[in-house]
């Protein structure tokens, strides 16, 4: 019975929702690190 594809899909969907809630919970009180790079060529005719 539990090998039914519909049942397995429902439990995998529940697992996905649970992991998503874990991720949303960790958005609070935990730092996040990002990387940034920028290059600009300014015009010579501006003052």
ModelCIF file with pLDDT and N, C-alpha, C, O atoms, coordinates in Angstrom:
data_MODEL
#
_entry.id   MODEL 
#
_entity.id                         1 
_entity.type                       polymer 
_entity.pdbx_number_of_molecules   1 
#
_entity_poly.entity_id                      1 
_entity_poly.type                           'polypeptide(L)' 
_entity_poly.nstd_linkage                   no 
_entity_poly.nstd_monomer                   no 
_entity_poly.pdbx_seq_one_letter_code       
;(UNK)(UNK)(UNK)(UNK)(UNK)(UNK)(UNK)(UNK)(UNK)(UNK)(UNK)(UNK)(UNK)(UNK)(UNK)(UNK)
(UNK)(UNK)(UNK)(UNK)(UNK)(UNK)(UNK)(UNK)(UNK)(UNK)(UNK)(UNK)(UNK)(UNK)(UNK)(UNK)
(UNK)(UNK)(UNK)(UNK)(UNK)(UNK)(UNK)(UNK)(UNK)(UNK)(UNK)(UNK)(UNK)(UNK)(UNK)
;
_entity_poly.pdbx_seq_one_letter_code_can   XXXXXXXXXXXXXXXXXXXXXXXXXXXXXXXXXXXXXXXXXXXXXXX 
_entity_poly.pdbx_strand_id                 A 
#
loop_
_entity_poly_seq.entity_id 
_entity_poly_seq.num 
_entity_poly_seq.mon_id 
_entity_poly_seq.hetero 
1 1  UNK n 
1 2  UNK n 
1 3  UNK n 
1 4  UNK n 
1 5  UNK n 
1 6  UNK n 
1 7  UNK n 
1 8  UNK n 
1 9  UNK n 
1 10 UNK n 
1 11 UNK n 
1 12 UNK n 
1 13 UNK n 
1 14 UNK n 
1 15 UNK n 
1 16 UNK n 
1 17 UNK n 
1 18 UNK n 
1 19 UNK n 
1 20 UNK n 
1 21 UNK n 
1 22 UNK n 
1 23 UNK n 
1 24 UNK n 
1 25 UNK n 
1 26 UNK n 
1 27 UNK n 
1 28 UNK n 
1 29 UNK n 
1 30 UNK n 
1 31 UNK n 
1 32 UNK n 
1 33 UNK n 
1 34 UNK n 
1 35 UNK n 
1 36 UNK n 
1 37 UNK n 
1 38 UNK n 
1 39 UNK n 
1 40 UNK n 
1 41 UNK n 
1 42 UNK n 
1 43 UNK n 
1 44 UNK n 
1 45 UNK n 
1 46 UNK n 
1 47 UNK n 
#
_struct_asym.id          A 
_struct_asym.entity_id   1 
#
loop_
_ma_qa_metric.id 
_ma_qa_metric.mode 
_ma_qa_metric.name 
_ma_qa_metric.software_group_id 
_ma_qa_metric.type 
1 global pLDDT . pLDDT 
2 local  pLDDT . pLDDT 
#
_ma_qa_metric_global.metric_id      1 
_ma_qa_metric_global.metric_value   90.62 
_ma_qa_metric_global.model_id       1 
_ma_qa_metric_global.ordinal_id     1 
#
loop_
_ma_qa_metric_local.label_asym_id 
_ma_qa_metric_local.label_comp_id 
_ma_qa_metric_local.label_seq_id 
_ma_qa_metric_local.metric_id 
_ma_qa_metric_local.metric_value 
_ma_qa_metric_local.model_id 
_ma_qa_metric_local.ordinal_id 
A UNK 1  2 85.00 1 1  
A UNK 2  2 85.00 1 2  
A UNK 3  2 86.00 1 3  
A UNK 4  2 91.00 1 4  
A UNK 5  2 93.00 1 5  
A UNK 6  2 93.00 1 6  
A UNK 7  2 94.00 1 7  
A UNK 8  2 95.00 1 8  
A UNK 9  2 96.00 1 9  
A UNK 10 2 96.00 1 10 
A UNK 11 2 96.00 1 11 
A UNK 12 2 96.00 1 12 
A UNK 13 2 96.00 1 13 
A UNK 14 2 97.00 1 14 
A UNK 15 2 96.00 1 15 
A UNK 16 2 96.00 1 16 
A UNK 17 2 96.00 1 17 
A UNK 18 2 96.00 1 18 
A UNK 19 2 96.00 1 19 
A UNK 20 2 95.00 1 20 
A UNK 21 2 95.00 1 21 
A UNK 22 2 94.00 1 22 
A UNK 23 2 94.00 1 23 
A UNK 24 2 92.00 1 24 
A UNK 25 2 92.00 1 25 
A UNK 26 2 91.00 1 26 
A UNK 27 2 90.00 1 27 
A UNK 28 2 87.00 1 28 
A UNK 29 2 85.00 1 29 
A UNK 30 2 90.00 1 30 
A UNK 31 2 91.00 1 31 
A UNK 32 2 92.00 1 32 
A UNK 33 2 94.00 1 33 
A UNK 34 2 93.00 1 34 
A UNK 35 2 92.00 1 35 
A UNK 36 2 93.00 1 36 
A UNK 37 2 93.00 1 37 
A UNK 38 2 92.00 1 38 
A UNK 39 2 92.00 1 39 
A UNK 40 2 89.00 1 40 
A UNK 41 2 88.00 1 41 
A UNK 42 2 83.00 1 42 
A UNK 43 2 79.00 1 43 
A UNK 44 2 75.00 1 44 
A UNK 45 2 76.00 1 45 
A UNK 46 2 76.00 1 46 
A UNK 47 2 77.00 1 47 
#
loop_
_atom_site.group_PDB 
_atom_site.id 
_atom_site.type_symbol 
_atom_site.label_atom_id 
_atom_site.label_alt_id 
_atom_site.label_comp_id 
_atom_site.label_asym_id 
_atom_site.label_entity_id 
_atom_site.label_seq_id 
_atom_site.pdbx_PDB_ins_code 
_atom_site.Cartn_x 
_atom_site.Cartn_y 
_atom_site.Cartn_z 
_atom_site.occupancy 
_atom_site.B_iso_or_equiv 
_atom_site.pdbx_formal_charge 
_atom_site.auth_seq_id 
_atom_site.auth_comp_id 
_atom_site.auth_asym_id 
_atom_site.auth_atom_id 
_atom_site.pdbx_PDB_model_num 
ATOM 1   N N  . UNK A 1 1  ? 0.837  -1.203 0.000   1.00 85.00 ? 1  UNK A N  1 
ATOM 2   C CA . UNK A 1 1  ? 0.000  0.000  0.000   1.00 85.00 ? 1  UNK A CA 1 
ATOM 3   C C  . UNK A 1 1  ? 0.869  1.250  0.000   1.00 85.00 ? 1  UNK A C  1 
ATOM 4   O O  . UNK A 1 1  ? 0.616  2.189  -0.754  1.00 85.00 ? 1  UNK A O  1 
ATOM 5   N N  . UNK A 1 2  ? 1.909  1.259  0.861   1.00 85.00 ? 2  UNK A N  1 
ATOM 6   C CA . UNK A 1 2  ? 2.770  2.441  0.947   1.00 85.00 ? 2  UNK A CA 1 
ATOM 7   C C  . UNK A 1 2  ? 3.635  2.613  -0.299  1.00 85.00 ? 2  UNK A C  1 
ATOM 8   O O  . UNK A 1 2  ? 4.223  3.677  -0.494  1.00 85.00 ? 2  UNK A O  1 
ATOM 9   N N  . UNK A 1 3  ? 3.724  1.582  -1.149  1.00 86.00 ? 3  UNK A N  1 
ATOM 10  C CA . UNK A 1 3  ? 4.465  1.733  -2.399  1.00 86.00 ? 3  UNK A CA 1 
ATOM 11  C C  . UNK A 1 3  ? 3.664  2.472  -3.459  1.00 86.00 ? 3  UNK A C  1 
ATOM 12  O O  . UNK A 1 3  ? 4.178  2.759  -4.540  1.00 86.00 ? 3  UNK A O  1 
ATOM 13  N N  . UNK A 1 4  ? 2.417  2.781  -3.157  1.00 91.00 ? 4  UNK A N  1 
ATOM 14  C CA . UNK A 1 4  ? 1.587  3.563  -4.071  1.00 91.00 ? 4  UNK A CA 1 
ATOM 15  C C  . UNK A 1 4  ? 2.257  4.892  -4.371  1.00 91.00 ? 4  UNK A C  1 
ATOM 16  O O  . UNK A 1 4  ? 2.674  5.603  -3.456  1.00 91.00 ? 4  UNK A O  1 
ATOM 17  N N  . UNK A 1 5  ? 2.362  5.229  -5.648  1.00 93.00 ? 5  UNK A N  1 
ATOM 18  C CA . UNK A 1 5  ? 3.079  6.444  -6.059  1.00 93.00 ? 5  UNK A CA 1 
ATOM 19  C C  . UNK A 1 5  ? 2.424  7.702  -5.509  1.00 93.00 ? 5  UNK A C  1 
ATOM 20  O O  . UNK A 1 5  ? 3.117  8.655  -5.153  1.00 93.00 ? 5  UNK A O  1 
ATOM 21  N N  . UNK A 1 6  ? 1.112  7.715  -5.435  1.00 93.00 ? 6  UNK A N  1 
ATOM 22  C CA . UNK A 1 6  ? 0.428  8.886  -4.904  1.00 93.00 ? 6  UNK A CA 1 
ATOM 23  C C  . UNK A 1 6  ? 0.744  9.117  -3.444  1.00 93.00 ? 6  UNK A C  1 
ATOM 24  O O  . UNK A 1 6  ? 0.938  10.257 -3.022  1.00 93.00 ? 6  UNK A O  1 
ATOM 25  N N  . UNK A 1 7  ? 0.799  8.034  -2.656  1.00 94.00 ? 7  UNK A N  1 
ATOM 26  C CA . UNK A 1 7  ? 1.131  8.163  -1.233  1.00 94.00 ? 7  UNK A CA 1 
ATOM 27  C C  . UNK A 1 7  ? 2.570  8.627  -1.074  1.00 94.00 ? 7  UNK A C  1 
ATOM 28  O O  . UNK A 1 7  ? 2.850  9.520  -0.273  1.00 94.00 ? 7  UNK A O  1 
ATOM 29  N N  . UNK A 1 8  ? 3.481  8.033  -1.824  1.00 95.00 ? 8  UNK A N  1 
ATOM 30  C CA . UNK A 1 8  ? 4.892  8.434  -1.731  1.00 95.00 ? 8  UNK A CA 1 
ATOM 31  C C  . UNK A 1 8  ? 5.075  9.889  -2.145  1.00 95.00 ? 8  UNK A C  1 
ATOM 32  O O  . UNK A 1 8  ? 5.874  10.610 -1.547  1.00 95.00 ? 8  UNK A O  1 
ATOM 33  N N  . UNK A 1 9  ? 4.335  10.323 -3.170  1.00 96.00 ? 9  UNK A N  1 
ATOM 34  C CA . UNK A 1 9  ? 4.423  11.719 -3.598  1.00 96.00 ? 9  UNK A CA 1 
ATOM 35  C C  . UNK A 1 9  ? 3.929  12.651 -2.501  1.00 96.00 ? 9  UNK A C  1 
ATOM 36  O O  . UNK A 1 9  ? 4.492  13.727 -2.297  1.00 96.00 ? 9  UNK A O  1 
ATOM 37  N N  . UNK A 1 10 ? 2.874  12.239 -1.792  1.00 96.00 ? 10 UNK A N  1 
ATOM 38  C CA . UNK A 1 10 ? 2.341  13.079 -0.714  1.00 96.00 ? 10 UNK A CA 1 
ATOM 39  C C  . UNK A 1 10 ? 3.346  13.211 0.424   1.00 96.00 ? 10 UNK A C  1 
ATOM 40  O O  . UNK A 1 10 ? 3.500  14.294 0.988   1.00 96.00 ? 10 UNK A O  1 
ATOM 41  N N  . UNK A 1 11 ? 4.032  12.122 0.770   1.00 96.00 ? 11 UNK A N  1 
ATOM 42  C CA . UNK A 1 11 ? 5.011  12.189 1.854   1.00 96.00 ? 11 UNK A CA 1 
ATOM 43  C C  . UNK A 1 11 ? 6.259  12.969 1.428   1.00 96.00 ? 11 UNK A C  1 
ATOM 44  O O  . UNK A 1 11 ? 6.862  13.664 2.246   1.00 96.00 ? 11 UNK A O  1 
ATOM 45  N N  . UNK A 1 12 ? 6.648  12.858 0.162   1.00 96.00 ? 12 UNK A N  1 
ATOM 46  C CA . UNK A 1 12 ? 7.774  13.669 -0.306  1.00 96.00 ? 12 UNK A CA 1 
ATOM 47  C C  . UNK A 1 12 ? 7.410  15.147 -0.310  1.00 96.00 ? 12 UNK A C  1 
ATOM 48  O O  . UNK A 1 12 ? 8.246  15.996 -0.004  1.00 96.00 ? 12 UNK A O  1 
ATOM 49  N N  . UNK A 1 13 ? 6.175  15.453 -0.653  1.00 96.00 ? 13 UNK A N  1 
ATOM 50  C CA . UNK A 1 13 ? 5.733  16.846 -0.600  1.00 96.00 ? 13 UNK A CA 1 
ATOM 51  C C  . UNK A 1 13 ? 5.749  17.362 0.834   1.00 96.00 ? 13 UNK A C  1 
ATOM 52  O O  . UNK A 1 13 ? 6.135  18.505 1.082   1.00 96.00 ? 13 UNK A O  1 
ATOM 53  N N  . UNK A 1 14 ? 5.325  16.511 1.790   1.00 97.00 ? 14 UNK A N  1 
ATOM 54  C CA . UNK A 1 14 ? 5.378  16.912 3.202   1.00 97.00 ? 14 UNK A CA 1 
ATOM 55  C C  . UNK A 1 14 ? 6.813  17.120 3.657   1.00 97.00 ? 14 UNK A C  1 
ATOM 56  O O  . UNK A 1 14 ? 7.101  18.039 4.424   1.00 97.00 ? 14 UNK A O  1 
ATOM 57  N N  . UNK A 1 15 ? 7.710  16.266 3.184   1.00 96.00 ? 15 UNK A N  1 
ATOM 58  C CA . UNK A 1 15 ? 9.131  16.432 3.507   1.00 96.00 ? 15 UNK A CA 1 
ATOM 59  C C  . UNK A 1 15 ? 9.666  17.747 2.959   1.00 96.00 ? 15 UNK A C  1 
ATOM 60  O O  . UNK A 1 15 ? 10.423 18.446 3.632   1.00 96.00 ? 15 UNK A O  1 
ATOM 61  N N  . UNK A 1 16 ? 9.272  18.079 1.737   1.00 96.00 ? 16 UNK A N  1 
ATOM 62  C CA . UNK A 1 16 ? 9.706  19.339 1.137   1.00 96.00 ? 16 UNK A CA 1 
ATOM 63  C C  . UNK A 1 16 ? 9.199  20.526 1.942   1.00 96.00 ? 16 UNK A C  1 
ATOM 64  O O  . UNK A 1 16 ? 9.941  21.480 2.178   1.00 96.00 ? 16 UNK A O  1 
ATOM 65  N N  . UNK A 1 17 ? 7.941  20.476 2.364   1.00 96.00 ? 17 UNK A N  1 
ATOM 66  C CA . UNK A 1 17 ? 7.379  21.574 3.152   1.00 96.00 ? 17 UNK A CA 1 
ATOM 67  C C  . UNK A 1 17 ? 8.095  21.699 4.499   1.00 96.00 ? 17 UNK A C  1 
ATOM 68  O O  . UNK A 1 17 ? 8.317  22.808 4.986   1.00 96.00 ? 17 UNK A O  1 
ATOM 69  N N  . UNK A 1 18 ? 8.455  20.563 5.098   1.00 96.00 ? 18 UNK A N  1 
ATOM 70  C CA . UNK A 1 18 ? 9.143  20.589 6.390   1.00 96.00 ? 18 UNK A CA 1 
ATOM 71  C C  . UNK A 1 18 ? 10.530 21.223 6.252   1.00 96.00 ? 18 UNK A C  1 
ATOM 72  O O  . UNK A 1 18 ? 10.906 22.071 7.061   1.00 96.00 ? 18 UNK A O  1 
ATOM 73  N N  . UNK A 1 19 ? 11.278 20.820 5.245   1.00 96.00 ? 19 UNK A N  1 
ATOM 74  C CA . UNK A 1 19 ? 12.606 21.393 5.030   1.00 96.00 ? 19 UNK A CA 1 
ATOM 75  C C  . UNK A 1 19 ? 12.519 22.881 4.706   1.00 96.00 ? 19 UNK A C  1 
ATOM 76  O O  . UNK A 1 19 ? 13.384 23.662 5.104   1.00 96.00 ? 19 UNK A O  1 
ATOM 77  N N  . UNK A 1 20 ? 11.480 23.264 3.987   1.00 95.00 ? 20 UNK A N  1 
ATOM 78  C CA . UNK A 1 20 ? 11.286 24.687 3.696   1.00 95.00 ? 20 UNK A CA 1 
ATOM 79  C C  . UNK A 1 20 ? 11.035 25.474 4.974   1.00 95.00 ? 20 UNK A C  1 
ATOM 80  O O  . UNK A 1 20 ? 11.526 26.591 5.130   1.00 95.00 ? 20 UNK A O  1 
ATOM 81  N N  . UNK A 1 21 ? 10.265 24.885 5.892   1.00 95.00 ? 21 UNK A N  1 
ATOM 82  C CA . UNK A 1 21 ? 10.016 25.571 7.164   1.00 95.00 ? 21 UNK A CA 1 
ATOM 83  C C  . UNK A 1 21 ? 11.293 25.674 7.995   1.00 95.00 ? 21 UNK A C  1 
ATOM 84  O O  . UNK A 1 21 ? 11.496 26.665 8.697   1.00 95.00 ? 21 UNK A O  1 
ATOM 85  N N  . UNK A 1 22 ? 12.172 24.637 7.919   1.00 94.00 ? 22 UNK A N  1 
ATOM 86  C CA . UNK A 1 22 ? 13.465 24.728 8.612   1.00 94.00 ? 22 UNK A CA 1 
ATOM 87  C C  . UNK A 1 22 ? 14.288 25.899 8.068   1.00 94.00 ? 22 UNK A C  1 
ATOM 88  O O  . UNK A 1 22 ? 14.891 26.657 8.828   1.00 94.00 ? 22 UNK A O  1 
ATOM 89  N N  . UNK A 1 23 ? 14.299 26.031 6.738   1.00 94.00 ? 23 UNK A N  1 
ATOM 90  C CA . UNK A 1 23 ? 15.051 27.120 6.136   1.00 94.00 ? 23 UNK A CA 1 
ATOM 91  C C  . UNK A 1 23 ? 14.505 28.482 6.520   1.00 94.00 ? 23 UNK A C  1 
ATOM 92  O O  . UNK A 1 23 ? 15.271 29.403 6.804   1.00 94.00 ? 23 UNK A O  1 
ATOM 93  N N  . UNK A 1 24 ? 13.169 28.620 6.531   1.00 92.00 ? 24 UNK A N  1 
ATOM 94  C CA . UNK A 1 24 ? 12.565 29.902 6.922   1.00 92.00 ? 24 UNK A CA 1 
ATOM 95  C C  . UNK A 1 24 ? 12.854 30.229 8.380   1.00 92.00 ? 24 UNK A C  1 
ATOM 96  O O  . UNK A 1 24 ? 13.044 31.393 8.733   1.00 92.00 ? 24 UNK A O  1 
ATOM 97  N N  . UNK A 1 25 ? 12.889 29.206 9.225   1.00 92.00 ? 25 UNK A N  1 
ATOM 98  C CA . UNK A 1 25 ? 13.189 29.445 10.640  1.00 92.00 ? 25 UNK A CA 1 
ATOM 99  C C  . UNK A 1 25 ? 14.621 29.949 10.819  1.00 92.00 ? 25 UNK A C  1 
ATOM 100 O O  . UNK A 1 25 ? 14.878 30.785 11.685  1.00 92.00 ? 25 UNK A O  1 
ATOM 101 N N  . UNK A 1 26 ? 15.547 29.453 10.013  1.00 91.00 ? 26 UNK A N  1 
ATOM 102 C CA . UNK A 1 26 ? 16.952 29.847 10.135  1.00 91.00 ? 26 UNK A CA 1 
ATOM 103 C C  . UNK A 1 26 ? 17.234 31.220 9.513   1.00 91.00 ? 26 UNK A C  1 
ATOM 104 O O  . UNK A 1 26 ? 18.356 31.721 9.593   1.00 91.00 ? 26 UNK A O  1 
ATOM 105 N N  . UNK A 1 27 ? 16.231 31.816 8.905   1.00 90.00 ? 27 UNK A N  1 
ATOM 106 C CA . UNK A 1 27 ? 16.408 33.177 8.410   1.00 90.00 ? 27 UNK A CA 1 
ATOM 107 C C  . UNK A 1 27 ? 16.510 34.194 9.556   1.00 90.00 ? 27 UNK A C  1 
ATOM 108 O O  . UNK A 1 27 ? 16.938 35.331 9.353   1.00 90.00 ? 27 UNK A O  1 
ATOM 109 N N  . UNK A 1 28 ? 16.117 33.776 10.738  1.00 87.00 ? 28 UNK A N  1 
ATOM 110 C CA . UNK A 1 28 ? 16.139 34.663 11.901  1.00 87.00 ? 28 UNK A CA 1 
ATOM 111 C C  . UNK A 1 28 ? 17.400 34.391 12.740  1.00 87.00 ? 28 UNK A C  1 
ATOM 112 O O  . UNK A 1 28 ? 17.760 33.241 12.993  1.00 87.00 ? 28 UNK A O  1 
ATOM 113 N N  . UNK A 1 29 ? 18.055 35.477 13.160  1.00 85.00 ? 29 UNK A N  1 
ATOM 114 C CA . UNK A 1 29 ? 19.179 35.422 14.114  1.00 85.00 ? 29 UNK A CA 1 
ATOM 115 C C  . UNK A 1 29 ? 20.385 34.653 13.586  1.00 85.00 ? 29 UNK A C  1 
ATOM 116 O O  . UNK A 1 29 ? 21.195 34.180 14.383  1.00 85.00 ? 29 UNK A O  1 
ATOM 117 N N  . UNK A 1 30 ? 20.530 34.513 12.281  1.00 90.00 ? 30 UNK A N  1 
ATOM 118 C CA . UNK A 1 30 ? 21.703 33.848 11.714  1.00 90.00 ? 30 UNK A CA 1 
ATOM 119 C C  . UNK A 1 30 ? 22.257 34.717 10.581  1.00 90.00 ? 30 UNK A C  1 
ATOM 120 O O  . UNK A 1 30 ? 21.493 35.229 9.762   1.00 90.00 ? 30 UNK A O  1 
ATOM 121 N N  . UNK A 1 31 ? 23.572 34.884 10.535  1.00 91.00 ? 31 UNK A N  1 
ATOM 122 C CA . UNK A 1 31 ? 24.162 35.767 9.523   1.00 91.00 ? 31 UNK A CA 1 
ATOM 123 C C  . UNK A 1 31 ? 24.117 35.135 8.134   1.00 91.00 ? 31 UNK A C  1 
ATOM 124 O O  . UNK A 1 31 ? 23.972 33.922 7.981   1.00 91.00 ? 31 UNK A O  1 
ATOM 125 N N  . UNK A 1 32 ? 24.246 35.993 7.138   1.00 92.00 ? 32 UNK A N  1 
ATOM 126 C CA . UNK A 1 32 ? 24.295 35.570 5.747   1.00 92.00 ? 32 UNK A CA 1 
ATOM 127 C C  . UNK A 1 32 ? 25.465 36.264 5.078   1.00 92.00 ? 32 UNK A C  1 
ATOM 128 O O  . UNK A 1 32 ? 25.687 37.457 5.282   1.00 92.00 ? 32 UNK A O  1 
ATOM 129 N N  . UNK A 1 33 ? 26.220 35.511 4.272   1.00 94.00 ? 33 UNK A N  1 
ATOM 130 C CA . UNK A 1 33 ? 27.435 36.023 3.644   1.00 94.00 ? 33 UNK A CA 1 
ATOM 131 C C  . UNK A 1 33 ? 27.241 36.069 2.131   1.00 94.00 ? 33 UNK A C  1 
ATOM 132 O O  . UNK A 1 33 ? 26.813 35.098 1.508   1.00 94.00 ? 33 UNK A O  1 
ATOM 133 N N  . UNK A 1 34 ? 27.572 37.238 1.556   1.00 93.00 ? 34 UNK A N  1 
ATOM 134 C CA . UNK A 1 34 ? 27.447 37.404 0.122   1.00 93.00 ? 34 UNK A CA 1 
ATOM 135 C C  . UNK A 1 34 ? 28.722 37.956 -0.480  1.00 93.00 ? 34 UNK A C  1 
ATOM 136 O O  . UNK A 1 34 ? 29.524 38.590 0.205   1.00 93.00 ? 34 UNK A O  1 
ATOM 137 N N  . UNK A 1 35 ? 28.900 37.712 -1.756  1.00 92.00 ? 35 UNK A N  1 
ATOM 138 C CA . UNK A 1 35 ? 30.076 38.168 -2.488  1.00 92.00 ? 35 UNK A CA 1 
ATOM 139 C C  . UNK A 1 35 ? 29.631 39.198 -3.519  1.00 92.00 ? 35 UNK A C  1 
ATOM 140 O O  . UNK A 1 35 ? 28.594 39.039 -4.163  1.00 92.00 ? 35 UNK A O  1 
ATOM 141 N N  . UNK A 1 36 ? 30.454 40.295 -3.673  1.00 93.00 ? 36 UNK A N  1 
ATOM 142 C CA . UNK A 1 36 ? 30.128 41.322 -4.644  1.00 93.00 ? 36 UNK A CA 1 
ATOM 143 C C  . UNK A 1 36 ? 31.357 41.831 -5.359  1.00 93.00 ? 36 UNK A C  1 
ATOM 144 O O  . UNK A 1 36 ? 32.439 41.903 -4.777  1.00 93.00 ? 36 UNK A O  1 
ATOM 145 N N  . UNK A 1 37 ? 31.191 42.184 -6.615  1.00 93.00 ? 37 UNK A N  1 
ATOM 146 C CA . UNK A 1 37 ? 32.278 42.717 -7.441  1.00 93.00 ? 37 UNK A CA 1 
ATOM 147 C C  . UNK A 1 37 ? 31.670 43.739 -8.384  1.00 93.00 ? 37 UNK A C  1 
ATOM 148 O O  . UNK A 1 37 ? 30.577 43.533 -8.912  1.00 93.00 ? 37 UNK A O  1 
ATOM 149 N N  . UNK A 1 38 ? 32.392 44.866 -8.601  1.00 92.00 ? 38 UNK A N  1 
ATOM 150 C CA . UNK A 1 38 ? 31.868 45.893 -9.501  1.00 92.00 ? 38 UNK A CA 1 
ATOM 151 C C  . UNK A 1 38 ? 33.025 46.628 -10.169 1.00 92.00 ? 38 UNK A C  1 
ATOM 152 O O  . UNK A 1 38 ? 34.035 46.932 -9.535  1.00 92.00 ? 38 UNK A O  1 
ATOM 153 N N  . UNK A 1 39 ? 32.858 46.905 -11.454 1.00 92.00 ? 39 UNK A N  1 
ATOM 154 C CA . UNK A 1 39 ? 33.833 47.698 -12.215 1.00 92.00 ? 39 UNK A CA 1 
ATOM 155 C C  . UNK A 1 39 ? 33.065 48.767 -12.991 1.00 92.00 ? 39 UNK A C  1 
ATOM 156 O O  . UNK A 1 39 ? 32.043 48.483 -13.615 1.00 92.00 ? 39 UNK A O  1 
ATOM 157 N N  . UNK A 1 40 ? 33.581 50.016 -12.941 1.00 89.00 ? 40 UNK A N  1 
ATOM 158 C CA . UNK A 1 40 ? 32.968 51.130 -13.646 1.00 89.00 ? 40 UNK A CA 1 
ATOM 159 C C  . UNK A 1 40 ? 34.033 51.869 -14.455 1.00 89.00 ? 40 UNK A C  1 
ATOM 160 O O  . UNK A 1 40 ? 35.142 52.099 -13.972 1.00 89.00 ? 40 UNK A O  1 
ATOM 161 N N  . UNK A 1 41 ? 33.698 52.226 -15.655 1.00 88.00 ? 41 UNK A N  1 
ATOM 162 C CA . UNK A 1 41 ? 34.525 53.086 -16.509 1.00 88.00 ? 41 UNK A CA 1 
ATOM 163 C C  . UNK A 1 41 ? 33.795 54.419 -16.652 1.00 88.00 ? 41 UNK A C  1 
ATOM 164 O O  . UNK A 1 41 ? 32.818 54.529 -17.394 1.00 88.00 ? 41 UNK A O  1 
ATOM 165 N N  . UNK A 1 42 ? 34.283 55.430 -15.932 1.00 83.00 ? 42 UNK A N  1 
ATOM 166 C CA . UNK A 1 42 ? 33.633 56.734 -15.962 1.00 83.00 ? 42 UNK A CA 1 
ATOM 167 C C  . UNK A 1 42 ? 34.016 57.498 -17.223 1.00 83.00 ? 42 UNK A C  1 
ATOM 168 O O  . UNK A 1 42 ? 35.125 57.372 -17.743 1.00 83.00 ? 42 UNK A O  1 
ATOM 169 N N  . UNK A 1 43 ? 33.078 58.281 -17.689 1.00 79.00 ? 43 UNK A N  1 
ATOM 170 C CA . UNK A 1 43 ? 33.305 59.044 -18.916 1.00 79.00 ? 43 UNK A CA 1 
ATOM 171 C C  . UNK A 1 43 ? 34.307 60.172 -18.674 1.00 79.00 ? 43 UNK A C  1 
ATOM 172 O O  . UNK A 1 43 ? 34.356 60.763 -17.596 1.00 79.00 ? 43 UNK A O  1 
ATOM 173 N N  . UNK A 1 44 ? 35.094 60.449 -19.693 1.00 75.00 ? 44 UNK A N  1 
ATOM 174 C CA . UNK A 1 44 ? 36.083 61.511 -19.589 1.00 75.00 ? 44 UNK A CA 1 
ATOM 175 C C  . UNK A 1 44 ? 35.476 62.893 -19.810 1.00 75.00 ? 44 UNK A C  1 
ATOM 176 O O  . UNK A 1 44 ? 36.071 63.894 -19.411 1.00 75.00 ? 44 UNK A O  1 
ATOM 177 N N  . UNK A 1 45 ? 34.302 62.965 -20.438 1.00 76.00 ? 45 UNK A N  1 
ATOM 178 C CA . UNK A 1 45 ? 33.707 64.266 -20.727 1.00 76.00 ? 45 UNK A CA 1 
ATOM 179 C C  . UNK A 1 45 ? 32.862 64.795 -19.583 1.00 76.00 ? 45 UNK A C  1 
ATOM 180 O O  . UNK A 1 45 ? 32.344 65.907 -19.683 1.00 76.00 ? 45 UNK A O  1 
ATOM 181 N N  . UNK A 1 46 ? 32.700 64.046 -18.500 1.00 76.00 ? 46 UNK A N  1 
ATOM 182 C CA . UNK A 1 46 ? 32.032 64.581 -17.310 1.00 76.00 ? 46 UNK A CA 1 
ATOM 183 C C  . UNK A 1 46 ? 33.047 65.332 -16.443 1.00 76.00 ? 46 UNK A C  1 
ATOM 184 O O  . UNK A 1 46 ? 34.255 65.123 -16.556 1.00 76.00 ? 46 UNK A O  1 
ATOM 185 N N  . UNK A 1 47 ? 32.541 66.196 -15.593 1.00 77.00 ? 47 UNK A N  1 
ATOM 186 C CA . UNK A 1 47 ? 33.418 67.075 -14.813 1.00 77.00 ? 47 UNK A CA 1 
ATOM 187 C C  . UNK A 1 47 ? 33.747 66.500 -13.444 1.00 77.00 ? 47 UNK A C  1 
ATOM 188 O O  . UNK A 1 47 ? 34.475 67.124 -12.672 1.00 77.00 ? 47 UNK A O  1 
#
